[in-house]
C-alpha atoms as a PDB file:
ATOM      1  CA  UNK A   1       0.254   0.105  -0.191  1.00  0.00           C
ATOM      2  CA  UNK A   2       0.894   3.534  -0.795  1.00  0.00           C
ATOM      3  CA  UNK A   3       2.326   5.933   2.443  1.00  0.00           C
ATOM      4  CA  UNK A   4      -0.398   8.527   0.270  1.00  0.00           C
ATOM      5  CA  UNK A   5      -3.595   6.302  -0.045  1.00  0.00           C
ATOM      6  CA  UNK A   6      -3.684   5.430   4.081  1.00  0.00           C
ATOM      7  CA  UNK A   7      -7.194   7.353   5.271  1.00  0.00           C
ATOM      8  CA  UNK A   8      -6.282   7.253   8.741  1.00  0.00           C
ATOM      9  CA  UNK A   9      -3.244   9.333   9.307  1.00  0.00           C
ATOM     10  CA  UNK A  10      -1.498   8.482  12.879  1.00  0.00           C
ATOM     11  CA  UNK A  11       1.360   9.851  15.142  1.00  0.00           C
ATOM     12  CA  UNK A  12       2.753   6.163  14.571  1.00  0.00           C
ATOM     13  CA  UNK A  13       1.875   6.519  10.558  1.00  0.00           C
ATOM     14  CA  UNK A  14       3.525  10.714  10.563  1.00  0.00           C
ATOM     15  CA  UNK A  15       6.990  10.132  12.456  1.00  0.00           C
ATOM     16  CA  UNK A  16       7.990   6.895  10.241  1.00  0.00           C
ATOM     17  CA  UNK A  17       7.193   8.073   7.218  1.00  0.00           C
ATOM     18  CA  UNK A  18       8.995  11.064   7.727  1.00  0.00           C
ATOM     19  CA  UNK A  19      12.167   9.732   9.552  1.00  0.00           C
ATOM     20  CA  UNK A  20      11.701   6.504   6.632  1.00  0.00           C
ATOM     21  CA  UNK A  21      11.841  10.039   3.802  1.00  0.00           C
ATOM     22  CA  UNK A  22      14.349  11.680   6.183  1.00  0.00           C
ATOM     23  CA  UNK A  23      17.215   9.100   5.117  1.00  0.00           C
ATOM     24  CA  UNK A  24      15.527   8.644   2.054  1.00  0.00           C
ATOM     25  CA  UNK A  25      16.859  12.384   1.629  1.00  0.00           C
ATOM     26  CA  UNK A  26      20.406  12.443   3.114  1.00  0.00           C
ATOM     27  CA  UNK A  27      20.918   8.892   1.275  1.00  0.00           C
ATOM     28  CA  UNK A  28      20.035  11.086  -2.049  1.00  0.00           C
ATOM     29  CA  UNK A  29      22.103  13.890  -1.040  1.00  0.00           C
ATOM     30  CA  UNK A  30      25.061  11.962  -0.595  1.00  0.00           C
ATOM     31  CA  UNK A  31      24.748   9.898  -3.694  1.00  0.00           C
ATOM     32  CA  UNK A  32      24.586  13.041  -6.018  1.00  0.00           C
ATOM     33  CA  UNK A  33      27.143  14.722  -3.677  1.00  0.00           C
ATOM     34  CA  UNK A  34      30.168  12.577  -4.609  1.00  0.00           C
ATOM     35  CA  UNK A  35      28.425  11.744  -8.287  1.00  0.00           C
ATOM     36  CA  UNK A  36      29.082  15.554  -8.902  1.00  0.00           C
ATOM     37  CA  UNK A  37      32.411  15.604  -6.948  1.00  0.00           C
ATOM     38  CA  UNK A  38      33.474  12.997  -8.955  1.00  0.00           C
ATOM     39  CA  UNK A  39      32.828  14.562 -12.550  1.00  0.00           C
ATOM     40  CA  UNK A  40      33.968  17.992 -11.543  1.00  0.00           C
ATOM     41  CA  UNK A  41      36.975  15.510 -10.908  1.00  0.00           C
ATOM     42  CA  UNK A  42      37.473  14.134 -13.715  1.00  0.00           C
ATOM     43  CA  UNK A  43      36.704  17.416 -15.765  1.00  0.00           C
ATOM     44  CA  UNK A  44      39.340  18.546 -13.842  1.00  0.00           C
ATOM     45  CA  UNK A  45      42.572  16.340 -14.224  1.00  0.00           C
ATOM     46  CA  UNK A  46      41.779  13.828 -11.901  1.00  0.00           C
ATOM     47  CA  UNK A  47      45.183  12.812 -11.910  1.00  0.00           C
ATOM     48  CA  UNK A  48      46.056  12.870  -8.524  1.00  0.00           C
ATOM     49  CA  UNK A  49      45.457  10.554  -5.615  1.00  0.00           C
END
C-alpha cells in the first residue's frame, strides 16, 4: 500500500514516514554529492591519488 493512500494518519505513521523520507533524502543527497564531485574531479584532470 502506498503511503498517501492511508486514510487514517496517526502519530506513528507520521513519525515513521518522516524518518523514512529523511533517511532516503540523506542517502540521495550523499549519492548526488559524490556523483557531482567525481564528475568535477574527472573534468579537472584527477591525476592525483
